[in-house]
PDB file of all heavy atoms in Angstrom:
ATOM      1  N   ASP A   1     110.973 139.028  94.147  1.00  0.00           N
ATOM      2  CA  ASP A   1     111.767 137.915  94.690  1.00  0.00           C
ATOM      3  C   ASP A   1     113.131 138.376  95.055  1.00  0.00           C
ATOM      4  O   ASP A   1     113.651 139.418  94.555  1.00  0.00           O
ATOM      5  CB  ASP A   1     111.863 136.774  93.671  1.00  0.00           C
ATOM      6  CG  ASP A   1     110.553 136.138  93.398  1.00  0.00           C
ATOM      7  OD1 ASP A   1     109.649 136.184  94.290  1.00  0.00           O
ATOM      8  OD2 ASP A   1     110.373 135.542  92.307  1.00  0.00           O
ATOM      9  N   ARG A   2     113.843 137.619  95.844  1.00  0.00           N
ATOM     10  CA  ARG A   2     115.193 137.833  96.174  1.00  0.00           C
ATOM     11  C   ARG A   2     116.104 137.421  94.947  1.00  0.00           C
ATOM     12  O   ARG A   2     116.009 136.256  94.552  1.00  0.00           O
ATOM     13  CB  ARG A   2     115.627 137.081  97.434  1.00  0.00           C
ATOM     14  CG  ARG A   2     116.980 137.454  97.954  1.00  0.00           C
ATOM     15  CD  ARG A   2     117.284 136.882  99.272  1.00  0.00           C
ATOM     16  NE  ARG A   2     116.286 137.291 100.318  1.00  0.00           N
ATOM     17  CZ  ARG A   2     116.431 136.996 101.618  1.00  0.00           C
ATOM     18  NH1 ARG A   2     117.446 136.249 102.026  1.00  0.00           N
ATOM     19  NH2 ARG A   2     115.553 137.437 102.465  1.00  0.00           N
ATOM     20  N   ASP A   3     116.878 138.341  94.449  1.00  0.00           N
ATOM     21  CA  ASP A   3     117.613 138.131  93.258  1.00  0.00           C
ATOM     22  C   ASP A   3     119.124 138.103  93.519  1.00  0.00           C
ATOM     23  O   ASP A   3     119.701 138.873  94.312  1.00  0.00           O
ATOM     24  CB  ASP A   3     117.345 139.224  92.196  1.00  0.00           C
ATOM     25  CG  ASP A   3     115.915 139.130  91.670  1.00  0.00           C
ATOM     26  OD1 ASP A   3     115.377 138.042  91.616  1.00  0.00           O
ATOM     27  OD2 ASP A   3     115.404 140.204  91.315  1.00  0.00           O
ATOM     28  N   PHE A   4     119.847 137.334  92.717  1.00  0.00           N
ATOM     29  CA  PHE A   4     121.296 137.274  92.786  1.00  0.00           C
ATOM     30  C   PHE A   4     121.912 138.578  92.314  1.00  0.00           C
ATOM     31  O   PHE A   4     121.402 139.161  91.358  1.00  0.00           O
ATOM     32  CB  PHE A   4     121.823 136.087  91.930  1.00  0.00           C
ATOM     33  CG  PHE A   4     123.280 136.131  91.733  1.00  0.00           C
ATOM     34  CD1 PHE A   4     124.110 135.620  92.690  1.00  0.00           C
ATOM     35  CD2 PHE A   4     123.818 136.572  90.559  1.00  0.00           C
ATOM     36  CE1 PHE A   4     125.534 135.598  92.482  1.00  0.00           C
ATOM     37  CE2 PHE A   4     125.165 136.585  90.347  1.00  0.00           C
ATOM     38  CZ  PHE A   4     126.048 136.099  91.323  1.00  0.00           C
ATOM     39  N   VAL A   5     122.959 138.985  93.013  1.00  0.00           N
ATOM     40  CA  VAL A   5     123.695 140.238  92.547  1.00  0.00           C
ATOM     41  C   VAL A   5     125.146 139.848  92.130  1.00  0.00           C
ATOM     42  O   VAL A   5     125.572 140.185  91.032  1.00  0.00           O
ATOM     43  CB  VAL A   5     123.688 141.258  93.643  1.00  0.00           C
ATOM     44  CG1 VAL A   5     124.530 142.506  93.200  1.00  0.00           C
ATOM     45  CG2 VAL A   5     122.286 141.725  93.987  1.00  0.00           C
ATOM     46  N   ALA A   6     125.853 139.251  93.107  1.00  0.00           N
ATOM     47  CA  ALA A   6     127.277 138.957  92.860  1.00  0.00           C
ATOM     48  C   ALA A   6     127.691 137.854  93.748  1.00  0.00           C
ATOM     49  O   ALA A   6     127.122 137.591  94.829  1.00  0.00           O
ATOM     50  CB  ALA A   6     128.088 140.183  93.156  1.00  0.00           C
ATOM     51  N   ALA A   7     128.770 137.120  93.318  1.00  0.00           N
ATOM     52  CA  ALA A   7     129.317 136.023  94.101  1.00  0.00           C
ATOM     53  C   ALA A   7     130.836 136.014  94.003  1.00  0.00           C
ATOM     54  O   ALA A   7     131.403 136.524  93.003  1.00  0.00           O
ATOM     55  CB  ALA A   7     128.749 134.710  93.637  1.00  0.00           C
ATOM     56  N   ILE A   8     131.474 135.430  95.027  1.00  0.00           N
ATOM     57  CA  ILE A   8     132.947 135.378  95.075  1.00  0.00           C
ATOM     58  C   ILE A   8     133.329 134.064  95.625  1.00  0.00           C
ATOM     59  O   ILE A   8     132.728 133.495  96.546  1.00  0.00           O
ATOM     60  CB  ILE A   8     133.494 136.560  95.849  1.00  0.00           C
ATOM     61  CG1 ILE A   8     135.020 136.661  95.745  1.00  0.00           C
ATOM     62  CG2 ILE A   8     133.039 136.458  97.343  1.00  0.00           C
ATOM     63  CD1 ILE A   8     135.554 137.978  96.252  1.00  0.00           C
ATOM     64  N   SER A   9     134.394 133.470  95.019  1.00  0.00           N
ATOM     65  CA  SER A   9     134.880 132.179  95.460  1.00  0.00           C
ATOM     66  C   SER A   9     135.570 132.319  96.837  1.00  0.00           C
ATOM     67  O   SER A   9     135.889 133.390  97.324  1.00  0.00           O
ATOM     68  CB  SER A   9     135.849 131.620  94.448  1.00  0.00           C
ATOM     69  OG  SER A   9     136.984 132.477  94.280  1.00  0.00           O
ATOM     70  N   ARG A  10     135.845 131.168  97.438  1.00  0.00           N
ATOM     71  CA  ARG A  10     136.470 131.152  98.745  1.00  0.00           C
ATOM     72  C   ARG A  10     137.804 131.832  98.720  1.00  0.00           C
ATOM     73  O   ARG A  10     138.176 132.493  99.744  1.00  0.00           O
ATOM     74  CB  ARG A  10     136.590 129.717  99.273  1.00  0.00           C
ATOM     75  CG  ARG A  10     137.439 128.825  98.452  1.00  0.00           C
ATOM     76  CD  ARG A  10     137.603 127.490  99.069  1.00  0.00           C
ATOM     77  NE  ARG A  10     138.571 127.539 100.202  1.00  0.00           N
ATOM     78  CZ  ARG A  10     139.019 126.460 100.895  1.00  0.00           C
ATOM     79  NH1 ARG A  10     138.612 125.224 100.484  1.00  0.00           N
ATOM     80  NH2 ARG A  10     139.825 126.530 101.834  1.00  0.00           N
ATOM     81  N   SER A  11     138.532 131.784  97.681  1.00  0.00           N
ATOM     82  CA  SER A  11     139.864 132.384  97.542  1.00  0.00           C
ATOM     83  C   SER A  11     139.772 133.858  97.182  1.00  0.00           C
ATOM     84  O   SER A  11     140.707 134.649  97.368  1.00  0.00           O
ATOM     85  CB  SER A  11     140.734 131.707  96.511  1.00  0.00           C
ATOM     86  OG  SER A  11     140.126 131.939  95.243  1.00  0.00           O
ATOM     87  N   GLY A  12     138.623 134.277  96.603  1.00  0.00           N
ATOM     88  CA  GLY A  12     138.461 135.590  96.098  1.00  0.00           C
ATOM     89  C   GLY A  12     138.943 135.748  94.669  1.00  0.00           C
ATOM     90  O   GLY A  12     138.755 136.798  94.032  1.00  0.00           O
ATOM     91  N   GLY A  13     139.443 134.693  94.077  1.00  0.00           N
ATOM     92  CA  GLY A  13     139.963 134.744  92.768  1.00  0.00           C
ATOM     93  C   GLY A  13     138.985 134.729  91.636  1.00  0.00           C
ATOM     94  O   GLY A  13     139.291 135.028  90.479  1.00  0.00           O
ATOM     95  N   VAL A  14     137.754 134.266  91.932  1.00  0.00           N
ATOM     96  CA  VAL A  14     136.750 134.168  90.944  1.00  0.00           C
ATOM     97  C   VAL A  14     135.513 134.982  91.416  1.00  0.00           C
ATOM     98  O   VAL A  14     135.088 134.811  92.541  1.00  0.00           O
ATOM     99  CB  VAL A  14     136.316 132.687  90.669  1.00  0.00           C
ATOM    100  CG1 VAL A  14     135.216 132.624  89.639  1.00  0.00           C
ATOM    101  CG2 VAL A  14     137.501 131.879  90.254  1.00  0.00           C
ATOM    102  N   THR A  15     135.007 135.793  90.540  1.00  0.00           N
ATOM    103  CA  THR A  15     133.813 136.608  90.861  1.00  0.00           C
ATOM    104  C   THR A  15     132.815 136.464  89.715  1.00  0.00           C
ATOM    105  O   THR A  15     133.204 136.132  88.574  1.00  0.00           O
ATOM    106  CB  THR A  15     134.110 138.066  91.100  1.00  0.00           C
ATOM    107  OG1 THR A  15     134.766 138.591  89.930  1.00  0.00           O
ATOM    108  CG2 THR A  15     135.009 138.223  92.294  1.00  0.00           C
ATOM    109  N   TYR A  16     131.562 136.708  90.016  1.00  0.00           N
ATOM    110  CA  TYR A  16     130.529 136.639  89.009  1.00  0.00           C
ATOM    111  C   TYR A  16     129.433 137.614  89.350  1.00  0.00           C
ATOM    112  O   TYR A  16     129.106 137.775  90.551  1.00  0.00           O
ATOM    113  CB  TYR A  16     129.956 135.173  88.978  1.00  0.00           C
ATOM    114  CG  TYR A  16     128.974 134.971  87.819  1.00  0.00           C
ATOM    115  CD1 TYR A  16     129.421 134.804  86.550  1.00  0.00           C
ATOM    116  CD2 TYR A  16     127.593 134.954  88.058  1.00  0.00           C
ATOM    117  CE1 TYR A  16     128.510 134.639  85.475  1.00  0.00           C
ATOM    118  CE2 TYR A  16     126.703 134.721  87.016  1.00  0.00           C
ATOM    119  CZ  TYR A  16     127.159 134.594  85.701  1.00  0.00           C
ATOM    120  OH  TYR A  16     126.294 134.426  84.676  1.00  0.00           O
ATOM    121  N   TYR A  17     128.833 138.243  88.334  1.00  0.00           N
ATOM    122  CA  TYR A  17     127.816 139.301  88.562  1.00  0.00           C
ATOM    123  C   TYR A  17     126.601 139.092  87.685  1.00  0.00           C
ATOM    124  O   TYR A  17     126.751 138.591  86.504  1.00  0.00           O
ATOM    125  CB  TYR A  17     128.456 140.682  88.210  1.00  0.00           C
ATOM    126  CG  TYR A  17     129.680 141.043  89.025  1.00  0.00           C
ATOM    127  CD1 TYR A  17     130.933 140.668  88.598  1.00  0.00           C
ATOM    128  CD2 TYR A  17     129.545 141.748  90.247  1.00  0.00           C
ATOM    129  CE1 TYR A  17     132.057 140.975  89.351  1.00  0.00           C
ATOM    130  CE2 TYR A  17     130.691 142.033  90.999  1.00  0.00           C
ATOM    131  CZ  TYR A  17     131.893 141.661  90.533  1.00  0.00           C
ATOM    132  OH  TYR A  17     133.013 141.984  91.224  1.00  0.00           O
ATOM    133  N   VAL A  18     125.481 139.610  88.157  1.00  0.00           N
ATOM    134  CA  VAL A  18     124.330 139.632  87.274  1.00  0.00           C
ATOM    135  C   VAL A  18     124.608 140.737  86.276  1.00  0.00           C
ATOM    136  O   VAL A  18     125.316 141.733  86.541  1.00  0.00           O
ATOM    137  CB  VAL A  18     123.083 139.953  88.113  1.00  0.00           C
ATOM    138  CG1 VAL A  18     123.102 141.308  88.716  1.00  0.00           C
ATOM    139  CG2 VAL A  18     121.824 139.779  87.280  1.00  0.00           C
ATOM    140  N   ASP A  19     124.114 140.607  85.080  1.00  0.00           N
ATOM    141  CA  ASP A  19     124.380 141.531  83.967  1.00  0.00           C
ATOM    142  C   ASP A  19     124.114 143.015  84.329  1.00  0.00           C
ATOM    143  O   ASP A  19     124.849 143.904  83.946  1.00  0.00           O
ATOM    144  CB  ASP A  19     123.631 141.145  82.718  1.00  0.00           C
ATOM    145  CG  ASP A  19     124.185 139.935  81.999  1.00  0.00           C
ATOM    146  OD1 ASP A  19     125.297 139.526  82.355  1.00  0.00           O
ATOM    147  OD2 ASP A  19     123.492 139.391  81.113  1.00  0.00           O
ATOM    148  N   SER A  20     123.042 143.168  85.097  1.00  0.00           N
ATOM    149  CA  SER A  20     122.611 144.564  85.331  1.00  0.00           C
ATOM    150  C   SER A  20     123.567 145.381  86.217  1.00  0.00           C
ATOM    151  O   SER A  20     123.447 146.649  86.255  1.00  0.00           O
ATOM    152  CB  SER A  20     121.239 144.606  85.955  1.00  0.00           C
ATOM    153  OG  SER A  20     121.253 143.875  87.240  1.00  0.00           O
ATOM    154  N   VAL A  21     124.511 144.717  86.883  1.00  0.00           N
ATOM    155  CA  VAL A  21     125.479 145.441  87.756  1.00  0.00           C
ATOM    156  C   VAL A  21     126.908 145.322  87.251  1.00  0.00           C
ATOM    157  O   VAL A  21     127.773 145.968  87.843  1.00  0.00           O
ATOM    158  CB  VAL A  21     125.365 144.961  89.180  1.00  0.00           C
ATOM    159  CG1 VAL A  21     123.921 144.970  89.715  1.00  0.00           C
ATOM    160  CG2 VAL A  21     126.007 143.578  89.399  1.00  0.00           C
ATOM    161  N   LYS A  22     127.120 144.582  86.189  1.00  0.00           N
ATOM    162  CA  LYS A  22     128.499 144.423  85.684  1.00  0.00           C
ATOM    163  C   LYS A  22     129.048 145.842  85.315  1.00  0.00           C
ATOM    164  O   LYS A  22     128.399 146.627  84.680  1.00  0.00           O
ATOM    165  CB  LYS A  22     128.472 143.516  84.458  1.00  0.00           C
ATOM    166  CG  LYS A  22     128.370 142.045  84.824  1.00  0.00           C
ATOM    167  CD  LYS A  22     128.349 141.193  83.549  1.00  0.00           C
ATOM    168  CE  LYS A  22     128.206 139.690  83.887  1.00  0.00           C
ATOM    169  NZ  LYS A  22     128.152 138.871  82.641  1.00  0.00           N
ATOM    170  N   GLY A  23     130.314 146.006  85.707  1.00  0.00           N
ATOM    171  CA  GLY A  23     130.954 147.325  85.438  1.00  0.00           C
ATOM    172  C   GLY A  23     130.605 148.382  86.451  1.00  0.00           C
ATOM    173  O   GLY A  23     131.313 149.461  86.395  1.00  0.00           O
ATOM    174  N   ARG A  24     129.645 148.142  87.319  1.00  0.00           N
ATOM    175  CA  ARG A  24     129.274 149.157  88.334  1.00  0.00           C
ATOM    176  C   ARG A  24     129.535 148.634  89.788  1.00  0.00           C
ATOM    177  O   ARG A  24     129.927 149.420  90.652  1.00  0.00           O
ATOM    178  CB  ARG A  24     127.804 149.514  88.230  1.00  0.00           C
ATOM    179  CG  ARG A  24     127.410 150.094  86.875  1.00  0.00           C
ATOM    180  CD  ARG A  24     125.948 150.662  86.882  1.00  0.00           C
ATOM    181  NE  ARG A  24     124.974 149.621  87.181  1.00  0.00           N
ATOM    182  CZ  ARG A  24     124.130 149.600  88.201  1.00  0.00           C
ATOM    183  NH1 ARG A  24     124.122 150.642  89.065  1.00  0.00           N
ATOM    184  NH2 ARG A  24     123.225 148.647  88.345  1.00  0.00           N
ATOM    185  N   PHE A  25     129.334 147.339  89.991  1.00  0.00           N
ATOM    186  CA  PHE A  25     129.532 146.814  91.314  1.00  0.00           C
ATOM    187  C   PHE A  25     130.772 145.892  91.300  1.00  0.00           C
ATOM    188  O   PHE A  25     131.145 145.273  90.313  1.00  0.00           O
ATOM    189  CB  PHE A  25     128.342 145.919  91.694  1.00  0.00           C
ATOM    190  CG  PHE A  25     127.055 146.616  91.974  1.00  0.00           C
ATOM    191  CD1 PHE A  25     126.888 147.948  91.630  1.00  0.00           C
ATOM    192  CD2 PHE A  25     126.003 145.960  92.570  1.00  0.00           C
ATOM    193  CE1 PHE A  25     125.689 148.646  91.919  1.00  0.00           C
ATOM    194  CE2 PHE A  25     124.792 146.614  92.827  1.00  0.00           C
ATOM    195  CZ  PHE A  25     124.652 147.943  92.464  1.00  0.00           C
ATOM    196  N   THR A  26     131.457 145.854  92.503  1.00  0.00           N
ATOM    197  CA  THR A  26     132.554 144.977  92.659  1.00  0.00           C
ATOM    198  C   THR A  26     132.460 144.249  93.999  1.00  0.00           C
ATOM    199  O   THR A  26     132.319 144.838  95.042  1.00  0.00           O
ATOM    200  CB  THR A  26     133.893 145.825  92.622  1.00  0.00           C
ATOM    201  OG1 THR A  26     133.982 146.503  91.394  1.00  0.00           O
ATOM    202  CG2 THR A  26     135.104 144.856  92.815  1.00  0.00           C
ATOM    203  N   ILE A  27     132.557 142.934  93.932  1.00  0.00           N
ATOM    204  CA  ILE A  27     132.575 142.127  95.160  1.00  0.00           C
ATOM    205  C   ILE A  27     133.985 141.780  95.498  1.00  0.00           C
ATOM    206  O   ILE A  27     134.835 141.482  94.598  1.00  0.00           O
ATOM    207  CB  ILE A  27     131.674 140.845  94.996  1.00  0.00           C
ATOM    208  CG1 ILE A  27     131.524 140.099  96.338  1.00  0.00           C
ATOM    209  CG2 ILE A  27     132.228 139.938  93.873  1.00  0.00           C
ATOM    210  CD1 ILE A  27     130.510 138.933  96.270  1.00  0.00           C
ATOM    211  N   SER A  28     134.283 141.797  96.781  1.00  0.00           N
ATOM    212  CA  SER A  28     135.643 141.444  97.217  1.00  0.00           C
ATOM    213  C   SER A  28     135.544 140.873  98.617  1.00  0.00           C
ATOM    214  O   SER A  28     134.490 140.927  99.252  1.00  0.00           O
ATOM    215  CB  SER A  28     136.583 142.637  97.186  1.00  0.00           C
ATOM    216  OG  SER A  28     136.106 143.644  98.050  1.00  0.00           O
ATOM    217  N   ARG A  29     136.602 140.264  99.062  1.00  0.00           N
ATOM    218  CA  ARG A  29     136.629 139.709 100.425  1.00  0.00           C
ATOM    219  C   ARG A  29     137.990 139.879 101.015  1.00  0.00           C
ATOM    220  O   ARG A  29     139.019 139.883 100.329  1.00  0.00           O
ATOM    221  CB  ARG A  29     136.171 138.242 100.403  1.00  0.00           C
ATOM    222  CG  ARG A  29     137.111 137.284  99.720  1.00  0.00           C
ATOM    223  CD  ARG A  29     136.454 135.904  99.523  1.00  0.00           C
ATOM    224  NE  ARG A  29     136.217 135.278 100.806  1.00  0.00           N
ATOM    225  CZ  ARG A  29     135.377 134.246 100.950  1.00  0.00           C
ATOM    226  NH1 ARG A  29     134.662 133.729  99.900  1.00  0.00           N
ATOM    227  NH2 ARG A  29     135.182 133.656 102.149  1.00  0.00           N
ATOM    228  N   ASP A  30     138.013 139.959 102.343  1.00  0.00           N
ATOM    229  CA  ASP A  30     139.208 140.003 103.148  1.00  0.00           C
ATOM    230  C   ASP A  30     139.111 138.856 104.160  1.00  0.00           C
ATOM    231  O   ASP A  30     138.406 138.998 105.211  1.00  0.00           O
ATOM    232  CB  ASP A  30     139.330 141.361 103.884  1.00  0.00           C
ATOM    233  CG  ASP A  30     140.649 141.514 104.609  1.00  0.00           C
ATOM    234  OD1 ASP A  30     141.259 140.463 104.916  1.00  0.00           O
ATOM    235  OD2 ASP A  30     141.050 142.648 104.837  1.00  0.00           O
ATOM    236  N   ASN A  31     139.706 137.780 103.844  1.00  0.00           N
ATOM    237  CA  ASN A  31     139.568 136.583 104.692  1.00  0.00           C
ATOM    238  C   ASN A  31     140.208 136.769 106.090  1.00  0.00           C
ATOM    239  O   ASN A  31     139.817 136.156 107.030  1.00  0.00           O
ATOM    240  CB  ASN A  31     140.148 135.355 104.010  1.00  0.00           C
ATOM    241  CG  ASN A  31     139.263 134.844 102.906  1.00  0.00           C
ATOM    242  OD1 ASN A  31     138.090 135.170 102.857  1.00  0.00           O
ATOM    243  ND2 ASN A  31     139.803 134.041 101.977  1.00  0.00           N
ATOM    244  N   ALA A  32     141.175 137.608 106.161  1.00  0.00           N
ATOM    245  CA  ALA A  32     141.829 137.937 107.440  1.00  0.00           C
ATOM    246  C   ALA A  32     140.873 138.652 108.340  1.00  0.00           C
ATOM    247  O   ALA A  32     140.954 138.578 109.598  1.00  0.00           O
ATOM    248  CB  ALA A  32     143.087 138.752 107.274  1.00  0.00           C
ATOM    249  N   LYS A  33     139.899 139.409 107.812  1.00  0.00           N
ATOM    250  CA  LYS A  33     138.960 140.186 108.557  1.00  0.00           C
ATOM    251  C   LYS A  33     137.539 139.495 108.538  1.00  0.00           C
ATOM    252  O   LYS A  33     136.620 140.057 109.107  1.00  0.00           O
ATOM    253  CB  LYS A  33     138.802 141.571 107.989  1.00  0.00           C
ATOM    254  CG  LYS A  33     140.046 142.372 108.153  1.00  0.00           C
ATOM    255  CD  LYS A  33     139.869 143.807 107.622  1.00  0.00           C
ATOM    256  CE  LYS A  33     141.115 144.702 107.819  1.00  0.00           C
ATOM    257  NZ  LYS A  33     140.930 146.044 107.350  1.00  0.00           N
TER     258      LYS A  33
END
């Protein structure tokens, strides 16, 4: 199945990760781009 990996709020101030990628993956966003 398609599984969740990471999410980020509209501001970028809140992030959340599945346990298996915590500490290895980082989600970020550049709203200007």
